[in-house]
Amino acid sequence: AAKNIALPIIFHGLWDYISLSEITKTYP
């Protein structure tokens, strides 16, 4: 839709930040 790879990279980075942080251990 965007014809730009930057948006999926940003979304993936945000997802990794959330999923790799310790937040799931602190707040199951």
mmCIF file of all heavy atoms, coordinates in Angstrom:
data_MODEL
# 
_entry.id   MODEL 
# 
loop_
_atom_site.group_PDB 
_atom_site.id 
_atom_site.type_symbol 
_atom_site.label_atom_id 
_atom_site.label_alt_id 
_atom_site.label_comp_id 
_atom_site.label_asym_id 
_atom_site.label_entity_id 
_atom_site.label_seq_id 
_atom_site.pdbx_PDB_ins_code 
_atom_site.Cartn_x 
_atom_site.Cartn_y 
_atom_site.Cartn_z 
_atom_site.occupancy 
_atom_site.B_iso_or_equiv 
_atom_site.pdbx_formal_charge 
_atom_site.auth_seq_id 
_atom_site.auth_comp_id 
_atom_site.auth_asym_id 
_atom_site.auth_atom_id 
_atom_site.pdbx_PDB_model_num 
ATOM 1   N N   . ALA A 1 1  ? 0.822  -1.206  0.000  1.00 0.00 ? 1  ALA A N   1 
ATOM 2   C CA  . ALA A 1 1  ? 0.000  0.000   0.000  1.00 0.00 ? 1  ALA A CA  1 
ATOM 3   C C   . ALA A 1 1  ? 0.859  1.261   0.000  1.00 0.00 ? 1  ALA A C   1 
ATOM 4   O O   . ALA A 1 1  ? 0.554  2.227   -0.699 1.00 0.00 ? 1  ALA A O   1 
ATOM 5   C CB  . ALA A 1 1  ? -0.935 0.002   1.204  1.00 0.00 ? 1  ALA A CB  1 
ATOM 6   N N   . ALA A 1 2  ? 1.947  1.243   0.772  1.00 0.00 ? 2  ALA A N   1 
ATOM 7   C CA  . ALA A 1 2  ? 2.779  2.438   0.904  1.00 0.00 ? 2  ALA A CA  1 
ATOM 8   C C   . ALA A 1 2  ? 3.883  2.505   -0.140 1.00 0.00 ? 2  ALA A C   1 
ATOM 9   O O   . ALA A 1 2  ? 4.460  3.569   -0.359 1.00 0.00 ? 2  ALA A O   1 
ATOM 10  C CB  . ALA A 1 2  ? 3.406  2.486   2.301  1.00 0.00 ? 2  ALA A CB  1 
ATOM 11  N N   . LYS A 1 3  ? 4.192  1.360   -0.755 1.00 0.00 ? 3  LYS A N   1 
ATOM 12  C CA  . LYS A 1 3  ? 5.316  1.279   -1.702 1.00 0.00 ? 3  LYS A CA  1 
ATOM 13  C C   . LYS A 1 3  ? 6.609  1.777   -1.053 1.00 0.00 ? 3  LYS A C   1 
ATOM 14  O O   . LYS A 1 3  ? 7.426  2.449   -1.669 1.00 0.00 ? 3  LYS A O   1 
ATOM 15  C CB  . LYS A 1 3  ? 5.036  2.071   -2.981 1.00 0.00 ? 3  LYS A CB  1 
ATOM 16  C CG  . LYS A 1 3  ? 3.812  1.660   -3.730 1.00 0.00 ? 3  LYS A CG  1 
ATOM 17  C CD  . LYS A 1 3  ? 4.004  0.340   -4.395 1.00 0.00 ? 3  LYS A CD  1 
ATOM 18  C CE  . LYS A 1 3  ? 2.815  0.051   -5.296 1.00 0.00 ? 3  LYS A CE  1 
ATOM 19  N NZ  . LYS A 1 3  ? 2.427  -1.305  -5.319 1.00 0.00 ? 3  LYS A NZ  1 
ATOM 20  N N   . ASN A 1 4  ? 6.749  1.457   0.235  1.00 0.00 ? 4  ASN A N   1 
ATOM 21  C CA  . ASN A 1 4  ? 7.901  1.917   1.006  1.00 0.00 ? 4  ASN A CA  1 
ATOM 22  C C   . ASN A 1 4  ? 8.200  0.871   2.070  1.00 0.00 ? 4  ASN A C   1 
ATOM 23  O O   . ASN A 1 4  ? 7.313  0.493   2.830  1.00 0.00 ? 4  ASN A O   1 
ATOM 24  C CB  . ASN A 1 4  ? 7.572  3.267   1.649  1.00 0.00 ? 4  ASN A CB  1 
ATOM 25  C CG  . ASN A 1 4  ? 8.757  3.900   2.314  1.00 0.00 ? 4  ASN A CG  1 
ATOM 26  O OD1 . ASN A 1 4  ? 9.714  3.235   2.700  1.00 0.00 ? 4  ASN A OD1 1 
ATOM 27  N ND2 . ASN A 1 4  ? 8.692  5.211   2.479  1.00 0.00 ? 4  ASN A ND2 1 
ATOM 28  N N   . ILE A 1 5  ? 9.440  0.431   2.152  1.00 0.00 ? 5  ILE A N   1 
ATOM 29  C CA  . ILE A 1 5  ? 9.819  -0.599  3.111  1.00 0.00 ? 5  ILE A CA  1 
ATOM 30  C C   . ILE A 1 5  ? 9.994  -0.045  4.526  1.00 0.00 ? 5  ILE A C   1 
ATOM 31  O O   . ILE A 1 5  ? 9.995  -0.801  5.498  1.00 0.00 ? 5  ILE A O   1 
ATOM 32  C CB  . ILE A 1 5  ? 11.111 -1.324  2.636  1.00 0.00 ? 5  ILE A CB  1 
ATOM 33  C CG1 . ILE A 1 5  ? 11.347 -2.628  3.410  1.00 0.00 ? 5  ILE A CG1 1 
ATOM 34  C CG2 . ILE A 1 5  ? 12.327 -0.424  2.757  1.00 0.00 ? 5  ILE A CG2 1 
ATOM 35  C CD1 . ILE A 1 5  ? 10.369 -3.705  3.129  1.00 0.00 ? 5  ILE A CD1 1 
ATOM 36  N N   . ALA A 1 6  ? 10.091 1.264   4.667  1.00 0.00 ? 6  ALA A N   1 
ATOM 37  C CA  . ALA A 1 6  ? 10.353 1.867   5.980  1.00 0.00 ? 6  ALA A CA  1 
ATOM 38  C C   . ALA A 1 6  ? 9.245  1.581   6.988  1.00 0.00 ? 6  ALA A C   1 
ATOM 39  O O   . ALA A 1 6  ? 9.528  1.280   8.152  1.00 0.00 ? 6  ALA A O   1 
ATOM 40  C CB  . ALA A 1 6  ? 10.566 3.367   5.852  1.00 0.00 ? 6  ALA A CB  1 
ATOM 41  N N   . LEU A 1 7  ? 7.992  1.672   6.581  1.00 0.00 ? 7  LEU A N   1 
ATOM 42  C CA  . LEU A 1 7  ? 6.888  1.442   7.521  1.00 0.00 ? 7  LEU A CA  1 
ATOM 43  C C   . LEU A 1 7  ? 6.880  0.030   8.102  1.00 0.00 ? 7  LEU A C   1 
ATOM 44  O O   . LEU A 1 7  ? 6.785  -0.127  9.323  1.00 0.00 ? 7  LEU A O   1 
ATOM 45  C CB  . LEU A 1 7  ? 5.550  1.763   6.875  1.00 0.00 ? 7  LEU A CB  1 
ATOM 46  C CG  . LEU A 1 7  ? 5.237  3.245   6.723  1.00 0.00 ? 7  LEU A CG  1 
ATOM 47  C CD1 . LEU A 1 7  ? 3.937  3.443   5.958  1.00 0.00 ? 7  LEU A CD1 1 
ATOM 48  C CD2 . LEU A 1 7  ? 5.154  3.917   8.074  1.00 0.00 ? 7  LEU A CD2 1 
ATOM 49  N N   . PRO A 1 8  ? 6.999  -1.017  7.280  1.00 0.00 ? 8  PRO A N   1 
ATOM 50  C CA  . PRO A 1 8  ? 7.052  -2.354  7.881  1.00 0.00 ? 8  PRO A CA  1 
ATOM 51  C C   . PRO A 1 8  ? 8.264  -2.540  8.800  1.00 0.00 ? 8  PRO A C   1 
ATOM 52  O O   . PRO A 1 8  ? 8.165  -3.216  9.825  1.00 0.00 ? 8  PRO A O   1 
ATOM 53  C CB  . PRO A 1 8  ? 7.141  -3.303  6.681  1.00 0.00 ? 8  PRO A CB  1 
ATOM 54  C CG  . PRO A 1 8  ? 6.590  -2.536  5.547  1.00 0.00 ? 8  PRO A CG  1 
ATOM 55  C CD  . PRO A 1 8  ? 6.900  -1.100  5.822  1.00 0.00 ? 8  PRO A CD  1 
ATOM 56  N N   . ILE A 1 9  ? 9.382  -1.920  8.472  1.00 0.00 ? 9  ILE A N   1 
ATOM 57  C CA  . ILE A 1 9  ? 10.565 -2.014  9.335  1.00 0.00 ? 9  ILE A CA  1 
ATOM 58  C C   . ILE A 1 9  ? 10.292 -1.346  10.681 1.00 0.00 ? 9  ILE A C   1 
ATOM 59  O O   . ILE A 1 9  ? 10.631 -1.883  11.742 1.00 0.00 ? 9  ILE A O   1 
ATOM 60  C CB  . ILE A 1 9  ? 11.804 -1.402  8.641  1.00 0.00 ? 9  ILE A CB  1 
ATOM 61  C CG1 . ILE A 1 9  ? 12.235 -2.296  7.482  1.00 0.00 ? 9  ILE A CG1 1 
ATOM 62  C CG2 . ILE A 1 9  ? 12.941 -1.203  9.635  1.00 0.00 ? 9  ILE A CG2 1 
ATOM 63  C CD1 . ILE A 1 9  ? 13.332 -1.697  6.612  1.00 0.00 ? 9  ILE A CD1 1 
ATOM 64  N N   . ILE A 1 10 ? 9.661  -0.195  10.650 1.00 0.00 ? 10 ILE A N   1 
ATOM 65  C CA  . ILE A 1 10 ? 9.331  0.515   11.901 1.00 0.00 ? 10 ILE A CA  1 
ATOM 66  C C   . ILE A 1 10 ? 8.343  -0.305  12.726 1.00 0.00 ? 10 ILE A C   1 
ATOM 67  O O   . ILE A 1 10 ? 8.525  -0.479  13.938 1.00 0.00 ? 10 ILE A O   1 
ATOM 68  C CB  . ILE A 1 10 ? 8.777  1.923   11.601 1.00 0.00 ? 10 ILE A CB  1 
ATOM 69  C CG1 . ILE A 1 10 ? 9.892  2.808   11.050 1.00 0.00 ? 10 ILE A CG1 1 
ATOM 70  C CG2 . ILE A 1 10 ? 8.147  2.544   12.846 1.00 0.00 ? 10 ILE A CG2 1 
ATOM 71  C CD1 . ILE A 1 10 ? 9.410  4.113   10.453 1.00 0.00 ? 10 ILE A CD1 1 
ATOM 72  N N   . PHE A 1 11 ? 7.299  -0.842  12.080 1.00 0.00 ? 11 PHE A N   1 
ATOM 73  C CA  . PHE A 1 11 ? 6.322  -1.660  12.800 1.00 0.00 ? 11 PHE A CA  1 
ATOM 74  C C   . PHE A 1 11 ? 6.985  -2.893  13.412 1.00 0.00 ? 11 PHE A C   1 
ATOM 75  O O   . PHE A 1 11 ? 6.708  -3.259  14.545 1.00 0.00 ? 11 PHE A O   1 
ATOM 76  C CB  . PHE A 1 11 ? 5.176  -2.090  11.886 1.00 0.00 ? 11 PHE A CB  1 
ATOM 77  C CG  . PHE A 1 11 ? 4.263  -0.969  11.472 1.00 0.00 ? 11 PHE A CG  1 
ATOM 78  C CD1 . PHE A 1 11 ? 3.549  -1.054  10.296 1.00 0.00 ? 11 PHE A CD1 1 
ATOM 79  C CD2 . PHE A 1 11 ? 4.093  0.156   12.256 1.00 0.00 ? 11 PHE A CD2 1 
ATOM 80  C CE1 . PHE A 1 11 ? 2.694  -0.039  9.906  1.00 0.00 ? 11 PHE A CE1 1 
ATOM 81  C CE2 . PHE A 1 11 ? 3.247  1.186   11.883 1.00 0.00 ? 11 PHE A CE2 1 
ATOM 82  C CZ  . PHE A 1 11 ? 2.543  1.076   10.704 1.00 0.00 ? 11 PHE A CZ  1 
ATOM 83  N N   . HIS A 1 12 ? 7.863  -3.527  12.653 1.00 0.00 ? 12 HIS A N   1 
ATOM 84  C CA  . HIS A 1 12 ? 8.560  -4.714  13.157 1.00 0.00 ? 12 HIS A CA  1 
ATOM 85  C C   . HIS A 1 12 ? 9.450  -4.341  14.342 1.00 0.00 ? 12 HIS A C   1 
ATOM 86  O O   . HIS A 1 12 ? 9.500  -5.068  15.340 1.00 0.00 ? 12 HIS A O   1 
ATOM 87  C CB  . HIS A 1 12 ? 9.384  -5.364  12.044 1.00 0.00 ? 12 HIS A CB  1 
ATOM 88  C CG  . HIS A 1 12 ? 9.960  -6.687  12.419 1.00 0.00 ? 12 HIS A CG  1 
ATOM 89  N ND1 . HIS A 1 12 ? 11.056 -6.808  13.238 1.00 0.00 ? 12 HIS A ND1 1 
ATOM 90  C CD2 . HIS A 1 12 ? 9.595  -7.939  12.076 1.00 0.00 ? 12 HIS A CD2 1 
ATOM 91  C CE1 . HIS A 1 12 ? 11.341 -8.092  13.393 1.00 0.00 ? 12 HIS A CE1 1 
ATOM 92  N NE2 . HIS A 1 12 ? 10.464 -8.807  12.691 1.00 0.00 ? 12 HIS A NE2 1 
ATOM 93  N N   . GLY A 1 13 ? 10.136 -3.219  14.252 1.00 0.00 ? 13 GLY A N   1 
ATOM 94  C CA  . GLY A 1 13 ? 10.978 -2.768  15.358 1.00 0.00 ? 13 GLY A CA  1 
ATOM 95  C C   . GLY A 1 13 ? 10.181 -2.490  16.621 1.00 0.00 ? 13 GLY A C   1 
ATOM 96  O O   . GLY A 1 13 ? 10.600 -2.866  17.727 1.00 0.00 ? 13 GLY A O   1 
ATOM 97  N N   . LEU A 1 14 ? 9.033  -1.851  16.464 1.00 0.00 ? 14 LEU A N   1 
ATOM 98  C CA  . LEU A 1 14 ? 8.175  -1.595  17.624 1.00 0.00 ? 14 LEU A CA  1 
ATOM 99  C C   . LEU A 1 14 ? 7.666  -2.903  18.234 1.00 0.00 ? 14 LEU A C   1 
ATOM 100 O O   . LEU A 1 14 ? 7.634  -3.068  19.457 1.00 0.00 ? 14 LEU A O   1 
ATOM 101 C CB  . LEU A 1 14 ? 6.994  -0.695  17.236 1.00 0.00 ? 14 LEU A CB  1 
ATOM 102 C CG  . LEU A 1 14 ? 7.347  0.754   16.917 1.00 0.00 ? 14 LEU A CG  1 
ATOM 103 C CD1 . LEU A 1 14 ? 6.137  1.478   16.327 1.00 0.00 ? 14 LEU A CD1 1 
ATOM 104 C CD2 . LEU A 1 14 ? 7.848  1.467   18.151 1.00 0.00 ? 14 LEU A CD2 1 
ATOM 105 N N   . TRP A 1 15 ? 7.269  -3.828  17.378 1.00 0.00 ? 15 TRP A N   1 
ATOM 106 C CA  . TRP A 1 15 ? 6.797  -5.124  17.852 1.00 0.00 ? 15 TRP A CA  1 
ATOM 107 C C   . TRP A 1 15 ? 7.912  -5.852  18.618 1.00 0.00 ? 15 TRP A C   1 
ATOM 108 O O   . TRP A 1 15 ? 7.676  -6.409  19.692 1.00 0.00 ? 15 TRP A O   1 
ATOM 109 C CB  . TRP A 1 15 ? 6.318  -5.978  16.692 1.00 0.00 ? 15 TRP A CB  1 
ATOM 110 C CG  . TRP A 1 15 ? 5.821  -7.310  17.137 1.00 0.00 ? 15 TRP A CG  1 
ATOM 111 C CD1 . TRP A 1 15 ? 6.518  -8.482  17.151 1.00 0.00 ? 15 TRP A CD1 1 
ATOM 112 C CD2 . TRP A 1 15 ? 4.543  -7.606  17.679 1.00 0.00 ? 15 TRP A CD2 1 
ATOM 113 N NE1 . TRP A 1 15 ? 5.734  -9.483  17.655 1.00 0.00 ? 15 TRP A NE1 1 
ATOM 114 C CE2 . TRP A 1 15 ? 4.511  -8.966  17.997 1.00 0.00 ? 15 TRP A CE2 1 
ATOM 115 C CE3 . TRP A 1 15 ? 3.396  -6.828  17.928 1.00 0.00 ? 15 TRP A CE3 1 
ATOM 116 C CZ2 . TRP A 1 15 ? 3.404  -9.592  18.541 1.00 0.00 ? 15 TRP A CZ2 1 
ATOM 117 C CZ3 . TRP A 1 15 ? 2.300  -7.463  18.473 1.00 0.00 ? 15 TRP A CZ3 1 
ATOM 118 C CH2 . TRP A 1 15 ? 2.304  -8.816  18.770 1.00 0.00 ? 15 TRP A CH2 1 
ATOM 119 N N   . ASP A 1 16 ? 9.125  -5.844  18.061 1.00 0.00 ? 16 ASP A N   1 
ATOM 120 C CA  . ASP A 1 16 ? 10.250 -6.497  18.741 1.00 0.00 ? 16 ASP A CA  1 
ATOM 121 C C   . ASP A 1 16 ? 10.541 -5.836  20.080 1.00 0.00 ? 16 ASP A C   1 
ATOM 122 O O   . ASP A 1 16 ? 10.840 -6.521  21.055 1.00 0.00 ? 16 ASP A O   1 
ATOM 123 C CB  . ASP A 1 16 ? 11.507 -6.472  17.871 1.00 0.00 ? 16 ASP A CB  1 
ATOM 124 C CG  . ASP A 1 16 ? 11.482 -7.529  16.783 1.00 0.00 ? 16 ASP A CG  1 
ATOM 125 O OD1 . ASP A 1 16 ? 10.584 -8.401  16.818 1.00 0.00 ? 16 ASP A OD1 1 
ATOM 126 O OD2 . ASP A 1 16 ? 12.360 -7.490  15.907 1.00 0.00 ? 16 ASP A OD2 1 
ATOM 127 N N   . TYR A 1 17 ? 10.458 -4.533  20.115 1.00 0.00 ? 17 TYR A N   1 
ATOM 128 C CA  . TYR A 1 17 ? 10.707 -3.834  21.380 1.00 0.00 ? 17 TYR A CA  1 
ATOM 129 C C   . TYR A 1 17 ? 9.712  -4.288  22.451 1.00 0.00 ? 17 TYR A C   1 
ATOM 130 O O   . TYR A 1 17 ? 10.096 -4.600  23.580 1.00 0.00 ? 17 TYR A O   1 
ATOM 131 C CB  . TYR A 1 17 ? 10.618 -2.316  21.185 1.00 0.00 ? 17 TYR A CB  1 
ATOM 132 C CG  . TYR A 1 17 ? 10.753 -1.568  22.487 1.00 0.00 ? 17 TYR A CG  1 
ATOM 133 C CD1 . TYR A 1 17 ? 11.990 -1.421  23.097 1.00 0.00 ? 17 TYR A CD1 1 
ATOM 134 C CD2 . TYR A 1 17 ? 9.633  -1.035  23.111 1.00 0.00 ? 17 TYR A CD2 1 
ATOM 135 C CE1 . TYR A 1 17 ? 12.116 -0.758  24.296 1.00 0.00 ? 17 TYR A CE1 1 
ATOM 136 C CE2 . TYR A 1 17 ? 9.746  -0.366  24.321 1.00 0.00 ? 17 TYR A CE2 1 
ATOM 137 C CZ  . TYR A 1 17 ? 10.984 -0.230  24.910 1.00 0.00 ? 17 TYR A CZ  1 
ATOM 138 O OH  . TYR A 1 17 ? 11.107 0.425   26.102 1.00 0.00 ? 17 TYR A OH  1 
ATOM 139 N N   . ILE A 1 18 ? 8.438  -4.361  22.078 1.00 0.00 ? 18 ILE A N   1 
ATOM 140 C CA  . ILE A 1 18 ? 7.415  -4.780  23.039 1.00 0.00 ? 18 ILE A CA  1 
ATOM 141 C C   . ILE A 1 18 ? 7.605  -6.247  23.436 1.00 0.00 ? 18 ILE A C   1 
ATOM 142 O O   . ILE A 1 18 ? 7.579  -6.599  24.610 1.00 0.00 ? 18 ILE A O   1 
ATOM 143 C CB  . ILE A 1 18 ? 6.002  -4.558  22.476 1.00 0.00 ? 18 ILE A CB  1 
ATOM 144 C CG1 . ILE A 1 18 ? 5.718  -3.066  22.366 1.00 0.00 ? 18 ILE A CG1 1 
ATOM 145 C CG2 . ILE A 1 18 ? 4.947  -5.254  23.323 1.00 0.00 ? 18 ILE A CG2 1 
ATOM 146 C CD1 . ILE A 1 18 ? 4.476  -2.727  21.560 1.00 0.00 ? 18 ILE A CD1 1 
ATOM 147 N N   . SER A 1 19 ? 7.816  -7.097  22.440 1.00 0.00 ? 19 SER A N   1 
ATOM 148 C CA  . SER A 1 19 ? 7.877  -8.528  22.736 1.00 0.00 ? 19 SER A CA  1 
ATOM 149 C C   . SER A 1 19 ? 9.187  -8.959  23.391 1.00 0.00 ? 19 SER A C   1 
ATOM 150 O O   . SER A 1 19 ? 9.209  -9.952  24.117 1.00 0.00 ? 19 SER A O   1 
ATOM 151 C CB  . SER A 1 19 ? 7.617  -9.351  21.478 1.00 0.00 ? 19 SER A CB  1 
ATOM 152 O OG  . SER A 1 19 ? 8.617  -9.118  20.524 1.00 0.00 ? 19 SER A OG  1 
ATOM 153 N N   . LEU A 1 20 ? 10.269 -8.238  23.151 1.00 0.00 ? 20 LEU A N   1 
ATOM 154 C CA  . LEU A 1 20 ? 11.557 -8.627  23.725 1.00 0.00 ? 20 LEU A CA  1 
ATOM 155 C C   . LEU A 1 20 ? 11.855 -7.945  25.055 1.00 0.00 ? 20 LEU A C   1 
ATOM 156 O O   . LEU A 1 20 ? 12.798 -8.325  25.744 1.00 0.00 ? 20 LEU A O   1 
ATOM 157 C CB  . LEU A 1 20 ? 12.695 -8.352  22.736 1.00 0.00 ? 20 LEU A CB  1 
ATOM 158 C CG  . LEU A 1 20 ? 12.641 -9.170  21.444 1.00 0.00 ? 20 LEU A CG  1 
ATOM 159 C CD1 . LEU A 1 20 ? 13.732 -8.735  20.487 1.00 0.00 ? 20 LEU A CD1 1 
ATOM 160 C CD2 . LEU A 1 20 ? 12.701 -10.654 21.716 1.00 0.00 ? 20 LEU A CD2 1 
ATOM 161 N N   . SER A 1 21 ? 11.059 -6.960  25.388 1.00 0.00 ? 21 SER A N   1 
ATOM 162 C CA  . SER A 1 21 ? 11.259 -6.310  26.682 1.00 0.00 ? 21 SER A CA  1 
ATOM 163 C C   . SER A 1 21 ? 10.751 -7.243  27.778 1.00 0.00 ? 21 SER A C   1 
ATOM 164 O O   . SER A 1 21 ? 10.094 -8.242  27.510 1.00 0.00 ? 21 SER A O   1 
ATOM 165 C CB  . SER A 1 21 ? 10.533 -4.966  26.736 1.00 0.00 ? 21 SER A CB  1 
ATOM 166 O OG  . SER A 1 21 ? 9.144  -5.157  26.737 1.00 0.00 ? 21 SER A OG  1 
ATOM 167 N N   . GLU A 1 22 ? 11.030 -6.923  28.973 1.00 0.00 ? 22 GLU A N   1 
ATOM 168 C CA  . GLU A 1 22 ? 10.628 -7.759  30.111 1.00 0.00 ? 22 GLU A CA  1 
ATOM 169 C C   . GLU A 1 22 ? 9.192  -7.489  30.558 1.00 0.00 ? 22 GLU A C   1 
ATOM 170 O O   . GLU A 1 22 ? 8.777  -7.993  31.607 1.00 0.00 ? 22 GLU A O   1 
ATOM 171 C CB  . GLU A 1 22 ? 11.593 -7.518  31.277 1.00 0.00 ? 22 GLU A CB  1 
ATOM 172 C CG  . GLU A 1 22 ? 13.032 -7.912  30.968 1.00 0.00 ? 22 GLU A CG  1 
ATOM 173 C CD  . GLU A 1 22 ? 13.205 -9.413  30.786 1.00 0.00 ? 22 GLU A CD  1 
ATOM 174 O OE1 . GLU A 1 22 ? 12.604 -10.175 31.549 1.00 0.00 ? 22 GLU A OE1 1 
ATOM 175 O OE2 . GLU A 1 22 ? 13.932 -9.811  29.866 1.00 0.00 ? 22 GLU A OE2 1 
ATOM 176 N N   . ILE A 1 23 ? 8.442  -6.739  29.786 1.00 0.00 ? 23 ILE A N   1 
ATOM 177 C CA  . ILE A 1 23 ? 7.098  -6.358  30.205 1.00 0.00 ? 23 ILE A CA  1 
ATOM 178 C C   . ILE A 1 23 ? 6.185  -7.574  30.382 1.00 0.00 ? 23 ILE A C   1 
ATOM 179 O O   . ILE A 1 23 ? 5.339  -7.591  31.260 1.00 0.00 ? 23 ILE A O   1 
ATOM 180 C CB  . ILE A 1 23 ? 6.470  -5.331  29.240 1.00 0.00 ? 23 ILE A CB  1 
ATOM 181 C CG1 . ILE A 1 23 ? 5.225  -4.711  29.878 1.00 0.00 ? 23 ILE A CG1 1 
ATOM 182 C CG2 . ILE A 1 23 ? 6.152  -5.960  27.904 1.00 0.00 ? 23 ILE A CG2 1 
ATOM 183 C CD1 . ILE A 1 23 ? 4.722  -3.489  29.168 1.00 0.00 ? 23 ILE A CD1 1 
ATOM 184 N N   . THR A 1 24 ? 6.379  -8.620  29.564 1.00 0.00 ? 24 THR A N   1 
ATOM 185 C CA  . THR A 1 24 ? 5.505  -9.793  29.686 1.00 0.00 ? 24 THR A CA  1 
ATOM 186 C C   . THR A 1 24 ? 5.798  -10.581 30.958 1.00 0.00 ? 24 THR A C   1 
ATOM 187 O O   . THR A 1 24 ? 4.916  -11.286 31.454 1.00 0.00 ? 24 THR A O   1 
ATOM 188 C CB  . THR A 1 24 ? 5.630  -10.714 28.458 1.00 0.00 ? 24 THR A CB  1 
ATOM 189 O OG1 . THR A 1 24 ? 6.987  -11.097 28.295 1.00 0.00 ? 24 THR A OG1 1 
ATOM 190 C CG2 . THR A 1 24 ? 5.136  -10.012 27.212 1.00 0.00 ? 24 THR A CG2 1 
ATOM 191 N N   . LYS A 1 25 ? 7.005  -10.473 31.449 1.00 0.00 ? 25 LYS A N   1 
ATOM 192 C CA  . LYS A 1 25 ? 7.322  -11.133 32.721 1.00 0.00 ? 25 LYS A CA  1 
ATOM 193 C C   . LYS A 1 25 ? 6.793  -10.327 33.897 1.00 0.00 ? 25 LYS A C   1 
ATOM 194 O O   . LYS A 1 25 ? 6.332  -10.877 34.888 1.00 0.00 ? 25 LYS A O   1 
ATOM 195 C CB  . LYS A 1 25 ? 8.829  -11.343 32.853 1.00 0.00 ? 25 LYS A CB  1 
ATOM 196 C CG  . LYS A 1 25 ? 9.359  -12.372 31.888 1.00 0.00 ? 25 LYS A CG  1 
ATOM 197 C CD  . LYS A 1 25 ? 10.849 -12.575 32.059 1.00 0.00 ? 25 LYS A CD  1 
ATOM 198 C CE  . LYS A 1 25 ? 11.338 -13.582 31.038 1.00 0.00 ? 25 LYS A CE  1 
ATOM 199 N NZ  . LYS A 1 25 ? 12.771 -13.743 31.069 1.00 0.00 ? 25 LYS A NZ  1 
ATOM 200 N N   . THR A 1 26 ? 6.874  -9.016  33.770 1.00 0.00 ? 26 THR A N   1 
ATOM 201 C CA  . THR A 1 26 ? 6.377  -8.140  34.832 1.00 0.00 ? 26 THR A CA  1 
ATOM 202 C C   . THR A 1 26 ? 4.854  -8.131  34.878 1.00 0.00 ? 26 THR A C   1 
ATOM 203 O O   . THR A 1 26 ? 4.256  -8.157  35.948 1.00 0.00 ? 26 THR A O   1 
ATOM 204 C CB  . THR A 1 26 ? 6.895  -6.702  34.622 1.00 0.00 ? 26 THR A CB  1 
ATOM 205 O OG1 . THR A 1 26 ? 8.316  -6.737  34.482 1.00 0.00 ? 26 THR A OG1 1 
ATOM 206 C CG2 . THR A 1 26 ? 6.537  -5.809  35.788 1.00 0.00 ? 26 THR A CG2 1 
ATOM 207 N N   . TYR A 1 27 ? 4.252  -8.089  33.710 1.00 0.00 ? 27 TYR A N   1 
ATOM 208 C CA  . TYR A 1 27 ? 2.788  -8.047  33.593 1.00 0.00 ? 27 TYR A CA  1 
ATOM 209 C C   . TYR A 1 27 ? 2.327  -9.173  32.660 1.00 0.00 ? 27 TYR A C   1 
ATOM 210 O O   . TYR A 1 27 ? 2.169  -8.966  31.460 1.00 0.00 ? 27 TYR A O   1 
ATOM 211 C CB  . TYR A 1 27 ? 2.328  -6.703  33.035 1.00 0.00 ? 27 TYR A CB  1 
ATOM 212 C CG  . TYR A 1 27 ? 2.807  -5.520  33.833 1.00 0.00 ? 27 TYR A CG  1 
ATOM 213 C CD1 . TYR A 1 27 ? 3.878  -4.746  33.397 1.00 0.00 ? 27 TYR A CD1 1 
ATOM 214 C CD2 . TYR A 1 27 ? 2.183  -5.181  35.036 1.00 0.00 ? 27 TYR A CD2 1 
ATOM 215 C CE1 . TYR A 1 27 ? 4.325  -3.660  34.140 1.00 0.00 ? 27 TYR A CE1 1 
ATOM 216 C CE2 . TYR A 1 27 ? 2.627  -4.098  35.779 1.00 0.00 ? 27 TYR A CE2 1 
ATOM 217 C CZ  . TYR A 1 27 ? 3.701  -3.350  35.327 1.00 0.00 ? 27 TYR A CZ  1 
ATOM 218 O OH  . TYR A 1 27 ? 4.125  -2.277  36.060 1.00 0.00 ? 27 TYR A OH  1 
ATOM 219 N N   . PRO A 1 28 ? 2.091  -10.376 33.179 1.00 0.00 ? 28 PRO A N   1 
ATOM 220 C CA  . PRO A 1 28 ? 1.705  -11.519 32.331 1.00 0.00 ? 28 PRO A CA  1 
ATOM 221 C C   . PRO A 1 28 ? 0.438  -11.285 31.500 1.00 0.00 ? 28 PRO A C   1 
ATOM 222 O O   . PRO A 1 28 ? 0.267  -11.910 30.459 1.00 0.00 ? 28 PRO A O   1 
ATOM 223 C CB  . PRO A 1 28 ? 1.478  -12.658 33.337 1.00 0.00 ? 28 PRO A CB  1 
ATOM 224 C CG  . PRO A 1 28 ? 2.238  -12.257 34.546 1.00 0.00 ? 28 PRO A CG  1 
ATOM 225 C CD  . PRO A 1 28 ? 2.222  -10.752 34.576 1.00 0.00 ? 28 PRO A CD  1 
# 
